[in-house]
Amino acid sequence: MLFPLLGVGIIAVDDTVLNLALPAISRDLGASTEELQWAINAYVLAFAGPLLATGALADRWGRKRMLLIGAALFGLTSLAASLSTTTGMLIAFRGAQGLAGAILLPATLALLRATFTDSRERTFAIGVWSAVFSVGAMLGPLVGGLLIDSYGWRAVFLINVPIALIMVVGTAFLVRESRDRSTRAFPFQGLLIAVSGIVALVYAITAAGAHGVTVGVTIAAVAAVLLFGLLVWQQRRTRDPILPPGLLRNRSFTGASTAMALTVFALMGSLFFLSQYLQSVLLFSPLAAGLLLAPLAVLEIVGALSAARIIAWIGVKNTLGGSLVASAAGLLLLALGSAPDPGHAPLIVGAAVMSVGLGLAFTTAADSIIGSLPVDRAGIGSALDETLQQFGAALGVAILGAVANSLYRDGVATMRGGTLDGVRLSQVQSSVQEAGIVADALPPPDERVVLSVVYDAFCGGMSTAMVVGAGLLAIAAGLAFWLVPHRVVETAEPAPPRTDEPHA
């Protein structure tokens, strides 16, 4: 299972590397905070939209085959992203990477579900899956920081290329094919409606976060509502539903998926600014920032690999709910310690507690979700869970990112008509990186004044987003305690309809 696990690692590396590279990208390409958000959101849009379709294709067409296609495409799009000369090019290639990730990720979890049928073995395997994600998150900042310091931000995308090549070769020769061999019809109509609705909704969320509620956002939101209504109507009439009929009534799936979607909302929105805080406020180099973030990934691995033993001791419900409570407490401490001149204790303790809690929470939730799926439908089921998490990520970046940006802009607006003229103030308001460039060109007394106001405003917006995120994690914990069963319950798969019966 080494090569499917590399698929998880390559996505984790890419995610953490991009966050670390945001300040350098902003300086080199002149990207504003909104454009940096679109570099994240383009990936989310292209990833979330086709997930259900790629998950269904993995079940039907073959999980190994989809893994090969996804790995090859991810390597090629990473190479293209490294050659970007404008922000628009980077956003476009990030979207292409999102599509590759959508092909790749459901196949990895589906292969795990098909391979490990014993519950304890499955829990351990998913713990390893989560640990590999954390290893990728750990290597991303370390290797990425070194590459940014030595060669610039473009090199960080190139680290995906050799990993993708190893995956393609290893998967082709060493991974056994796995697929759904039932005779049920492929749900083309339902998937077409579902994918269209997801794309419309994710676009509405991300565009609203970047530009506010525009005519295009309104049209996309209305279209999404109509498409999801049509999907419900179509699924009730068809003999070939997208999901097993009992899956959404299974609280092992819905409870864990809902809690994780809310968790990702809280984390993506509140931690979006963390790498910018370390580099542009605390003035660490990319490599130093990576070294600071690496221990957090190690602690996530500890949490992930502890999940099987803790679940056996206190059950799924208590493990997931308790780990989310710990994550909320850690994020709140992190928020309290976020300042231009921070005390180290709240940052270290908060980050450590949050990391262990999240490693345990994501492994426990993944085990509950994957264990609830029929083996033949593991691809589409895991894709639905990932889609819900991507909705959470898009909403988090859009909503909490907008809150933090608004507070930052309002904070630096106090310098209007004083230290800064209108043009310089507009530059400062666009991003904290631009603020540093403007301040460097000012006389030393004015530079100190501007940077003091900018850092206070940035930290105020970021800490507010983190406090809101901590509250959302506490709500996710409450949902886990309320909805998730003590033990994983597998969804029964009804027999497919006879092939000589008409289909709706």
Protein backbone atom coordinates (compact mmCIF):
# COMPACT_ATOMS: atom_id res chain seq x y z
CA MET A 1 0.00 0.00 0.00
CA LEU A 2 3.06 2.28 -0.17
CA PHE A 3 2.21 3.88 -3.50
CA PRO A 4 -1.43 4.77 -2.76
CA LEU A 5 -0.18 6.33 0.49
CA LEU A 6 2.27 8.44 -1.52
CA GLY A 7 -0.80 9.93 -3.18
CA VAL A 8 -1.87 11.32 0.17
CA GLY A 9 1.63 12.59 0.84
CA ILE A 10 1.93 14.41 -2.46
CA ILE A 11 -1.30 16.33 -1.81
CA ALA A 12 -0.21 17.22 1.74
CA VAL A 13 3.20 18.43 0.56
CA ASP A 14 1.60 20.59 -2.10
CA ASP A 15 -0.86 22.17 0.33
CA THR A 16 1.74 23.13 2.94
CA VAL A 17 4.31 24.28 0.39
CA LEU A 18 1.85 26.68 -1.21
CA ASN A 19 0.94 28.25 2.14
CA LEU A 20 4.62 28.76 2.93
CA ALA A 21 5.27 30.25 -0.51
CA LEU A 22 2.42 32.81 -0.38
CA PRO A 23 4.56 35.76 0.81
CA ALA A 24 7.21 35.13 -1.86
CA ILE A 25 4.54 34.73 -4.56
CA SER A 26 2.93 37.99 -3.45
CA ARG A 27 6.22 39.87 -3.73
CA ASP A 28 7.32 38.31 -7.04
CA LEU A 29 4.01 38.39 -8.94
CA GLY A 30 2.51 41.39 -7.14
CA ALA A 31 -0.42 39.30 -5.91
CA SER A 32 -2.88 40.86 -3.46
CA THR A 33 -4.41 38.97 -0.53
CA GLU A 34 -7.54 38.35 -2.63
CA GLU A 35 -5.44 36.86 -5.44
CA LEU A 36 -3.58 34.68 -2.95
CA GLN A 37 -6.96 33.45 -1.72
CA TRP A 38 -7.89 32.60 -5.32
CA ALA A 39 -4.67 30.60 -5.66
CA ILE A 40 -6.08 28.49 -2.81
CA ASN A 41 -9.70 28.62 -3.99
CA ALA A 42 -8.97 27.62 -7.59
CA TYR A 43 -7.60 24.35 -6.28
CA VAL A 44 -10.61 23.90 -4.00
CA LEU A 45 -13.08 24.58 -6.83
CA ALA A 46 -11.43 22.15 -9.26
CA PHE A 47 -10.92 19.57 -6.52
CA ALA A 48 -14.40 19.61 -4.98
CA GLY A 49 -16.42 19.83 -8.19
CA PRO A 50 -15.63 16.48 -9.85
CA LEU A 51 -14.92 14.45 -6.67
CA LEU A 52 -18.17 12.48 -6.73
CA ALA A 53 -17.68 11.61 -10.38
CA THR A 54 -14.04 10.57 -9.94
CA GLY A 55 -14.95 8.52 -6.86
CA ALA A 56 -17.67 6.71 -8.79
CA LEU A 57 -15.29 6.15 -11.70
CA ALA A 58 -12.69 4.71 -9.32
CA ASP A 59 -15.24 2.18 -8.04
CA ARG A 60 -16.40 1.20 -11.50
CA TRP A 61 -13.38 1.71 -13.76
CA GLY A 62 -10.68 0.67 -11.29
CA ARG A 63 -8.99 2.37 -8.33
CA LYS A 64 -5.47 1.53 -9.53
CA ARG A 65 -6.22 3.02 -12.94
CA MET A 66 -7.51 6.28 -11.45
CA LEU A 67 -4.49 6.44 -9.14
CA LEU A 68 -2.18 6.22 -12.16
CA ILE A 69 -4.04 8.94 -14.08
CA GLY A 70 -4.20 11.25 -11.06
CA ALA A 71 -0.51 10.86 -10.21
CA ALA A 72 0.62 11.54 -13.78
CA LEU A 73 -1.62 14.60 -14.09
CA PHE A 74 -0.51 15.95 -10.71
CA GLY A 75 3.13 15.76 -11.74
CA LEU A 76 2.52 17.51 -15.06
CA THR A 77 0.42 20.33 -13.57
CA SER A 78 2.98 20.87 -10.80
CA LEU A 79 5.65 21.33 -13.46
CA ALA A 80 3.41 23.81 -15.27
CA ALA A 81 2.72 25.76 -12.05
CA SER A 82 6.46 26.17 -11.50
CA LEU A 83 6.69 27.98 -14.86
CA SER A 84 3.97 30.54 -14.07
CA THR A 85 4.88 34.16 -14.89
CA THR A 86 1.61 35.80 -13.81
CA THR A 87 -0.86 35.33 -10.98
CA GLY A 88 -3.49 34.32 -13.53
CA MET A 89 -1.29 31.50 -14.84
CA LEU A 90 -0.61 30.27 -11.33
CA ILE A 91 -4.31 30.26 -10.47
CA ALA A 92 -5.11 28.32 -13.67
CA PHE A 93 -2.48 25.65 -13.03
CA ARG A 94 -3.57 25.39 -9.38
CA GLY A 95 -7.02 24.59 -10.74
CA ALA A 96 -5.52 21.86 -12.91
CA GLN A 97 -3.74 20.47 -9.85
CA GLY A 98 -7.09 20.40 -8.07
CA LEU A 99 -8.55 18.22 -10.83
CA ALA A 100 -5.58 15.86 -10.52
CA GLY A 101 -6.09 15.67 -6.76
CA ALA A 102 -9.78 14.88 -7.28
CA ILE A 103 -8.80 11.92 -9.45
CA LEU A 104 -6.11 10.78 -7.03
CA LEU A 105 -7.50 11.02 -3.51
CA PRO A 106 -10.73 8.92 -3.56
CA ALA A 107 -8.78 6.01 -5.03
CA THR A 108 -6.34 5.97 -2.09
CA LEU A 109 -9.04 5.59 0.57
CA ALA A 110 -11.06 3.16 -1.55
CA LEU A 111 -8.01 0.90 -1.89
CA LEU A 112 -7.54 0.97 1.89
CA ARG A 113 -11.19 0.04 2.47
CA ALA A 114 -10.99 -2.83 -0.02
CA THR A 115 -7.71 -4.16 1.39
CA PHE A 116 -8.33 -3.98 5.15
CA THR A 117 -11.69 -5.50 6.08
CA ASP A 118 -10.93 -6.24 9.77
CA SER A 119 -11.96 -3.22 11.87
CA ARG A 120 -8.77 -2.99 13.93
CA GLU A 121 -6.54 -3.43 10.89
CA ARG A 122 -8.59 -0.80 9.05
CA THR A 123 -8.25 1.68 11.93
CA PHE A 124 -4.48 1.19 12.03
CA ALA A 125 -4.20 1.49 8.25
CA ILE A 126 -6.18 4.75 8.28
CA GLY A 127 -3.93 5.94 11.12
CA VAL A 128 -0.96 5.31 8.85
CA TRP A 129 -2.83 7.11 6.03
CA SER A 130 -3.30 10.13 8.32
CA ALA A 131 0.32 9.90 9.50
CA VAL A 132 1.55 9.96 5.90
CA PHE A 133 -0.51 13.10 5.38
CA SER A 134 1.21 14.60 8.42
CA VAL A 135 4.63 13.51 7.16
CA GLY A 136 3.86 15.29 3.90
CA ALA A 137 2.78 18.35 5.85
CA MET A 138 6.04 18.16 7.82
CA LEU A 139 8.31 17.71 4.80
CA GLY A 140 6.53 20.44 2.87
CA PRO A 141 7.62 23.34 5.10
CA LEU A 142 11.14 21.95 5.62
CA VAL A 143 11.93 21.16 2.00
CA GLY A 144 9.84 24.07 0.76
CA GLY A 145 11.57 26.55 3.06
CA LEU A 146 14.99 25.36 1.89
CA LEU A 147 13.94 25.58 -1.76
CA ILE A 148 12.42 29.05 -1.37
CA ASP A 149 15.56 30.34 0.37
CA SER A 150 17.87 28.76 -2.22
CA TYR A 151 15.97 28.86 -5.52
CA GLY A 152 12.77 30.88 -5.07
CA TRP A 153 9.11 29.89 -4.80
CA ARG A 154 8.92 28.26 -8.24
CA ALA A 155 11.04 25.35 -7.06
CA VAL A 156 8.47 24.28 -4.44
CA PHE A 157 6.13 22.94 -7.10
CA LEU A 158 8.90 20.85 -8.63
CA ILE A 159 9.18 18.61 -5.56
CA ASN A 160 5.88 17.01 -6.63
CA VAL A 161 7.32 15.82 -9.95
CA PRO A 162 9.68 13.06 -8.71
CA ILE A 163 7.08 11.87 -6.17
CA ALA A 164 4.50 11.62 -8.94
CA LEU A 165 6.95 9.71 -11.15
CA ILE A 166 7.69 7.20 -8.38
CA MET A 167 3.96 6.76 -7.82
CA VAL A 168 3.25 6.09 -11.48
CA VAL A 169 6.01 3.49 -11.85
CA GLY A 170 5.35 1.78 -8.51
CA THR A 171 1.58 1.69 -8.91
CA ALA A 172 1.82 0.30 -12.43
CA PHE A 173 3.90 -2.69 -11.33
CA LEU A 174 3.11 -3.33 -7.65
CA VAL A 175 -0.50 -2.33 -6.89
CA ARG A 176 -3.35 -4.78 -7.49
CA GLU A 177 -6.47 -3.52 -9.24
CA SER A 178 -9.68 -3.13 -7.20
CA ARG A 179 -13.15 -2.24 -8.48
CA ASP A 180 -16.89 -2.69 -7.96
CA ARG A 181 -17.84 -5.74 -10.02
CA SER A 182 -21.61 -5.44 -9.56
CA THR A 183 -23.99 -5.16 -12.50
CA ARG A 184 -25.71 -1.94 -11.37
CA ALA A 185 -25.92 0.84 -13.93
CA PHE A 186 -23.52 3.78 -13.68
CA PRO A 187 -25.47 6.84 -12.35
CA PHE A 188 -24.59 9.28 -15.14
CA GLN A 189 -27.61 11.57 -14.71
CA GLY A 190 -27.28 11.92 -10.96
CA LEU A 191 -23.54 12.56 -11.13
CA LEU A 192 -23.93 15.19 -13.86
CA ILE A 193 -26.49 17.09 -11.78
CA ALA A 194 -24.46 16.69 -8.57
CA VAL A 195 -21.17 17.85 -10.10
CA SER A 196 -22.86 20.87 -11.70
CA GLY A 197 -24.46 21.84 -8.39
CA ILE A 198 -21.20 21.43 -6.46
CA VAL A 199 -19.23 23.54 -8.95
CA ALA A 200 -21.89 26.28 -8.83
CA LEU A 201 -21.99 26.33 -5.03
CA VAL A 202 -18.21 26.27 -4.50
CA TYR A 203 -17.83 29.05 -7.08
CA ALA A 204 -20.49 31.13 -5.31
CA ILE A 205 -18.72 30.66 -1.97
CA THR A 206 -15.22 31.44 -3.22
CA ALA A 207 -16.27 34.37 -5.41
CA ALA A 208 -18.28 35.89 -2.56
CA GLY A 209 -15.24 35.66 -0.32
CA ALA A 210 -13.01 37.36 -2.89
CA HIS A 211 -15.39 39.97 -4.37
CA GLY A 212 -18.50 40.12 -2.20
CA VAL A 213 -22.05 39.32 -3.26
CA THR A 214 -22.12 40.17 -6.98
CA VAL A 215 -24.64 39.33 -9.71
CA GLY A 216 -22.50 36.37 -10.76
CA VAL A 217 -22.36 35.07 -7.19
CA THR A 218 -26.13 35.35 -6.85
CA ILE A 219 -26.75 33.52 -10.13
CA ALA A 220 -24.34 30.73 -9.13
CA ALA A 221 -25.97 30.35 -5.69
CA VAL A 222 -29.48 30.18 -7.16
CA ALA A 223 -28.33 27.68 -9.77
CA ALA A 224 -26.78 25.51 -7.04
CA VAL A 225 -30.02 25.48 -5.03
CA LEU A 226 -32.06 24.53 -8.11
CA LEU A 227 -29.61 21.82 -9.13
CA PHE A 228 -29.54 20.24 -5.67
CA GLY A 229 -33.35 20.29 -5.61
CA LEU A 230 -33.35 18.55 -8.99
CA LEU A 231 -30.82 16.02 -7.64
CA VAL A 232 -33.06 15.12 -4.69
CA TRP A 233 -36.04 14.65 -7.03
CA GLN A 234 -34.00 12.55 -9.47
CA GLN A 235 -32.44 10.37 -6.77
CA ARG A 236 -35.86 9.53 -5.30
CA ARG A 237 -37.09 8.28 -8.67
CA THR A 238 -34.06 6.42 -10.01
CA ARG A 239 -33.21 2.75 -9.47
CA ASP A 240 -29.50 3.66 -9.75
CA PRO A 241 -28.79 6.10 -6.89
CA ILE A 242 -25.36 7.64 -6.51
CA LEU A 243 -25.00 6.47 -2.91
CA PRO A 244 -26.20 3.38 -1.05
CA PRO A 245 -29.74 4.33 0.11
CA GLY A 246 -28.96 3.87 3.80
CA LEU A 247 -25.63 5.73 3.88
CA LEU A 248 -26.98 9.17 4.77
CA ARG A 249 -29.03 7.62 7.59
CA ASN A 250 -25.93 5.98 9.02
CA ARG A 251 -24.62 8.23 11.79
CA SER A 252 -21.15 6.69 11.57
CA PHE A 253 -20.97 8.42 8.19
CA THR A 254 -23.10 11.56 8.59
CA GLY A 255 -22.01 12.39 12.14
CA ALA A 256 -18.29 12.10 11.43
CA SER A 257 -18.58 13.82 8.02
CA THR A 258 -20.50 16.78 9.45
CA ALA A 259 -18.05 17.22 12.32
CA MET A 260 -15.09 17.10 9.94
CA ALA A 261 -16.61 19.56 7.47
CA LEU A 262 -17.06 22.05 10.31
CA THR A 263 -13.54 21.31 11.56
CA VAL A 264 -12.00 22.03 8.16
CA PHE A 265 -14.08 25.23 7.94
CA ALA A 266 -12.58 26.39 11.24
CA LEU A 267 -9.00 25.42 10.41
CA MET A 268 -8.76 26.68 6.82
CA GLY A 269 -10.29 30.00 7.75
CA SER A 270 -8.31 30.60 10.90
CA LEU A 271 -4.89 29.21 9.88
CA PHE A 272 -4.82 30.72 6.36
CA PHE A 273 -2.74 33.63 7.68
CA LEU A 274 -0.32 31.63 9.85
CA SER A 275 2.57 31.39 7.38
CA GLN A 276 2.18 35.09 6.54
CA TYR A 277 2.27 35.87 10.26
CA LEU A 278 5.51 33.95 10.76
CA GLN A 279 7.27 35.45 7.74
CA SER A 280 5.81 38.94 7.32
CA VAL A 281 5.18 39.90 10.96
CA LEU A 282 7.69 37.87 12.98
CA LEU A 283 10.13 38.12 10.02
CA PHE A 284 11.26 34.49 9.95
CA SER A 285 12.77 33.20 6.74
CA PRO A 286 10.79 30.55 4.83
CA LEU A 287 13.19 27.86 6.10
CA ALA A 288 12.91 29.05 9.70
CA ALA A 289 9.11 29.14 9.39
CA GLY A 290 9.20 25.59 8.05
CA LEU A 291 11.35 24.43 10.96
CA LEU A 292 8.89 25.98 13.40
CA LEU A 293 5.91 24.22 11.77
CA ALA A 294 7.59 20.80 11.42
CA PRO A 295 7.17 19.69 15.07
CA LEU A 296 3.43 20.23 14.74
CA ALA A 297 3.30 17.57 12.02
CA VAL A 298 5.23 15.16 14.28
CA LEU A 299 2.63 15.69 17.01
CA GLU A 300 -0.17 15.06 14.49
CA ILE A 301 1.51 11.74 13.65
CA VAL A 302 1.51 10.83 17.34
CA GLY A 303 -2.21 11.53 17.51
CA ALA A 304 -2.94 9.61 14.31
CA LEU A 305 -1.04 6.48 15.32
CA SER A 306 -2.63 6.51 18.80
CA ALA A 307 -6.16 6.44 17.40
CA ALA A 308 -6.63 2.66 17.16
CA ARG A 309 -5.73 2.04 20.81
CA ILE A 310 -7.80 4.97 22.13
CA ILE A 311 -10.85 3.99 20.05
CA ALA A 312 -10.64 0.45 21.41
CA TRP A 313 -10.55 1.90 24.93
CA ILE A 314 -13.25 4.62 24.92
CA GLY A 315 -15.05 4.22 21.58
CA VAL A 316 -15.39 6.32 18.43
CA LYS A 317 -17.80 8.92 19.86
CA ASN A 318 -15.67 9.83 22.88
CA THR A 319 -12.40 9.75 20.93
CA LEU A 320 -13.64 12.08 18.21
CA GLY A 321 -15.49 14.46 20.54
CA GLY A 322 -12.64 14.64 23.06
CA SER A 323 -9.97 15.24 20.42
CA LEU A 324 -11.99 18.11 18.95
CA VAL A 325 -12.36 19.68 22.41
CA ALA A 326 -8.57 19.54 22.76
CA SER A 327 -8.14 21.04 19.27
CA ALA A 328 -10.46 23.93 20.15
CA ALA A 329 -8.54 24.65 23.35
CA GLY A 330 -5.24 24.60 21.47
CA LEU A 331 -6.47 26.97 18.77
CA LEU A 332 -7.81 29.37 21.39
CA LEU A 333 -4.40 29.46 23.11
CA LEU A 334 -2.78 30.03 19.71
CA ALA A 335 -5.11 32.98 19.14
CA LEU A 336 -4.28 34.51 22.51
CA GLY A 337 -0.56 34.23 21.75
CA SER A 338 -0.74 35.82 18.27
CA ALA A 339 0.80 39.28 18.55
CA PRO A 340 3.57 41.32 16.89
CA ASP A 341 5.77 40.51 19.91
CA PRO A 342 4.29 37.23 21.19
CA GLY A 343 4.98 35.31 24.32
CA HIS A 344 6.27 31.86 23.41
CA ALA A 345 4.36 29.74 25.93
CA PRO A 346 0.81 30.23 24.52
CA LEU A 347 2.02 29.66 20.96
CA ILE A 348 3.97 26.49 21.77
CA VAL A 349 1.42 24.94 24.11
CA GLY A 350 -1.55 25.91 21.95
CA ALA A 351 -0.01 24.59 18.74
CA ALA A 352 1.08 21.34 20.43
CA VAL A 353 -2.32 20.58 21.95
CA MET A 354 -4.11 21.46 18.71
CA SER A 355 -1.81 19.27 16.61
CA VAL A 356 -2.19 16.13 18.73
CA GLY A 357 -5.96 16.66 18.86
CA LEU A 358 -6.26 17.10 15.13
CA GLY A 359 -4.16 14.03 14.32
CA LEU A 360 -6.43 11.94 16.53
CA ALA A 361 -9.64 13.60 15.28
CA PHE A 362 -8.98 13.20 11.56
CA THR A 363 -7.94 9.55 11.94
CA THR A 364 -10.98 8.71 14.07
CA ALA A 365 -13.38 10.47 11.71
CA ALA A 366 -11.82 8.85 8.63
CA ASP A 367 -12.11 5.42 10.25
CA SER A 368 -15.79 6.01 11.09
CA ILE A 369 -16.55 7.24 7.56
CA ILE A 370 -14.61 4.60 5.65
CA GLY A 371 -15.80 1.78 7.92
CA SER A 372 -19.43 2.77 7.28
CA LEU A 373 -19.06 2.29 3.52
CA PRO A 374 -19.83 -0.91 1.60
CA VAL A 375 -16.57 -2.10 0.06
CA ASP A 376 -17.90 -1.82 -3.49
CA ARG A 377 -18.90 1.84 -2.97
CA ALA A 378 -15.82 2.99 -1.05
CA GLY A 379 -14.70 5.38 -3.80
CA ILE A 380 -17.95 7.32 -4.11
CA GLY A 381 -18.47 7.36 -0.32
CA SER A 382 -15.00 8.70 0.44
CA ALA A 383 -15.46 11.24 -2.37
CA LEU A 384 -18.66 12.52 -0.73
CA ASP A 385 -16.80 13.00 2.56
CA GLU A 386 -13.98 14.85 0.79
CA THR A 387 -16.55 17.02 -1.02
CA LEU A 388 -18.13 18.06 2.28
CA GLN A 389 -14.68 18.91 3.64
CA GLN A 390 -13.90 20.96 0.56
CA PHE A 391 -17.12 22.90 1.09
CA GLY A 392 -15.92 23.56 4.60
CA ALA A 393 -12.51 24.67 3.35
CA ALA A 394 -13.98 27.04 0.76
CA LEU A 395 -16.40 28.55 3.29
CA GLY A 396 -13.65 28.91 5.86
CA VAL A 397 -11.24 30.76 3.57
CA ALA A 398 -14.06 32.89 2.16
CA ILE A 399 -15.85 33.83 5.39
CA LEU A 400 -13.16 33.86 8.07
CA GLY A 401 -10.63 35.18 5.57
CA ALA A 402 -13.00 38.04 4.73
CA VAL A 403 -13.49 38.80 8.43
CA ALA A 404 -9.74 38.94 9.06
CA ASN A 405 -9.13 41.03 5.92
CA SER A 406 -11.88 43.48 6.87
CA LEU A 407 -10.43 43.98 10.34
CA TYR A 408 -6.95 44.43 8.86
CA ARG A 409 -8.14 47.04 6.34
CA ASP A 410 -10.09 48.92 9.00
CA GLY A 411 -7.08 48.86 11.32
CA VAL A 412 -4.63 50.37 8.81
CA ALA A 413 -7.24 52.88 7.59
CA THR A 414 -6.47 54.94 10.72
CA MET A 415 -3.35 56.16 8.88
CA ARG A 416 -5.43 57.81 6.14
CA GLY A 417 -4.39 61.43 5.65
CA GLY A 418 -1.54 61.09 8.14
CA THR A 419 1.58 59.02 7.54
CA LEU A 420 0.30 57.64 4.23
CA ASP A 421 -1.29 59.24 1.20
CA GLY A 422 -4.19 57.59 -0.63
CA VAL A 423 -2.07 55.56 -3.07
CA ARG A 424 0.26 54.21 -0.40
CA LEU A 425 -2.63 53.43 1.92
CA SER A 426 -4.30 51.40 -0.83
CA GLN A 427 -1.08 49.41 -1.27
CA VAL A 428 -0.80 48.80 2.46
CA GLN A 429 -4.43 47.65 2.64
CA SER A 430 -3.95 45.10 -0.17
CA SER A 431 -1.68 42.79 1.89
CA VAL A 432 0.79 42.75 4.75
CA GLN A 433 3.56 41.94 2.23
CA GLU A 434 2.79 45.11 0.26
CA ALA A 435 2.76 47.02 3.54
CA GLY A 436 6.33 45.88 4.20
CA ILE A 437 7.44 47.10 0.76
CA VAL A 438 5.79 50.52 1.29
CA ALA A 439 7.29 50.86 4.78
CA ASP A 440 10.81 50.08 3.49
CA ALA A 441 10.62 53.17 1.26
CA LEU A 442 9.70 55.54 4.13
CA PRO A 443 12.03 57.42 6.49
CA PRO A 444 12.87 55.32 9.61
CA PRO A 445 10.49 57.13 12.02
CA ASP A 446 7.54 56.79 9.61
CA GLU A 447 8.52 53.21 8.81
CA ARG A 448 8.28 52.25 12.47
CA VAL A 449 4.88 53.91 12.84
CA VAL A 450 3.46 52.23 9.73
CA LEU A 451 4.76 48.77 10.63
CA SER A 452 3.45 49.06 14.18
CA VAL A 453 -0.06 49.84 12.96
CA VAL A 454 0.10 47.19 10.19
CA TYR A 455 1.29 44.41 12.51
CA ASP A 456 -1.30 45.24 15.16
CA ALA A 457 -4.08 45.26 12.55
CA PHE A 458 -2.93 41.99 10.95
CA CYS A 459 -2.61 40.18 14.28
CA GLY A 460 -5.98 41.51 15.41
CA GLY A 461 -7.71 40.15 12.31
CA MET A 462 -5.90 36.81 12.48
CA SER A 463 -6.56 36.25 16.20
CA THR A 464 -10.25 37.09 15.74
CA ALA A 465 -10.50 34.46 13.00
CA MET A 466 -8.77 31.95 15.29
CA VAL A 467 -11.15 32.65 18.19
CA VAL A 468 -14.12 32.08 15.88
CA GLY A 469 -12.42 28.92 14.61
CA ALA A 470 -11.99 27.65 18.17
CA GLY A 471 -15.69 28.19 18.79
CA LEU A 472 -16.54 26.23 15.64
CA LEU A 473 -14.30 23.36 16.74
CA ALA A 474 -16.18 23.26 20.05
CA ILE A 475 -19.46 23.02 18.10
CA ALA A 476 -17.97 20.20 15.98
CA ALA A 477 -17.08 18.38 19.21
CA GLY A 478 -20.67 18.73 20.41
CA LEU A 479 -21.95 17.28 17.13
CA ALA A 480 -19.57 14.32 17.47
CA PHE A 481 -20.75 13.56 21.03
CA TRP A 482 -24.38 13.84 19.89
CA LEU A 483 -24.38 12.04 16.53
CA VAL A 484 -21.50 9.58 16.25
CA PRO A 485 -22.06 6.01 17.59
CA HIS A 486 -19.62 4.38 20.00
CA ARG A 487 -18.70 1.79 17.35
CA VAL A 488 -18.60 2.00 13.56
CA VAL A 489 -21.72 0.67 11.82
CA GLU A 490 -21.35 -0.53 8.20
CA THR A 491 -24.11 0.45 5.76
CA ALA A 492 -25.93 -2.54 4.27
CA GLU A 493 -25.87 -2.52 0.47
CA PRO A 494 -29.18 -3.65 -1.07
CA ALA A 495 -29.11 -6.02 -4.01
CA PRO A 496 -28.95 -4.21 -7.36
CA PRO A 497 -32.10 -4.18 -9.50
CA ARG A 498 -32.57 -6.91 -12.10
CA THR A 499 -31.11 -5.95 -15.43
CA ASP A 500 -34.40 -6.71 -17.26
CA GLU A 501 -36.34 -4.11 -15.21
CA PRO A 502 -36.82 -0.59 -16.63
CA HIS A 503 -34.86 2.27 -15.07
CA ALA A 504 -36.18 5.72 -14.26
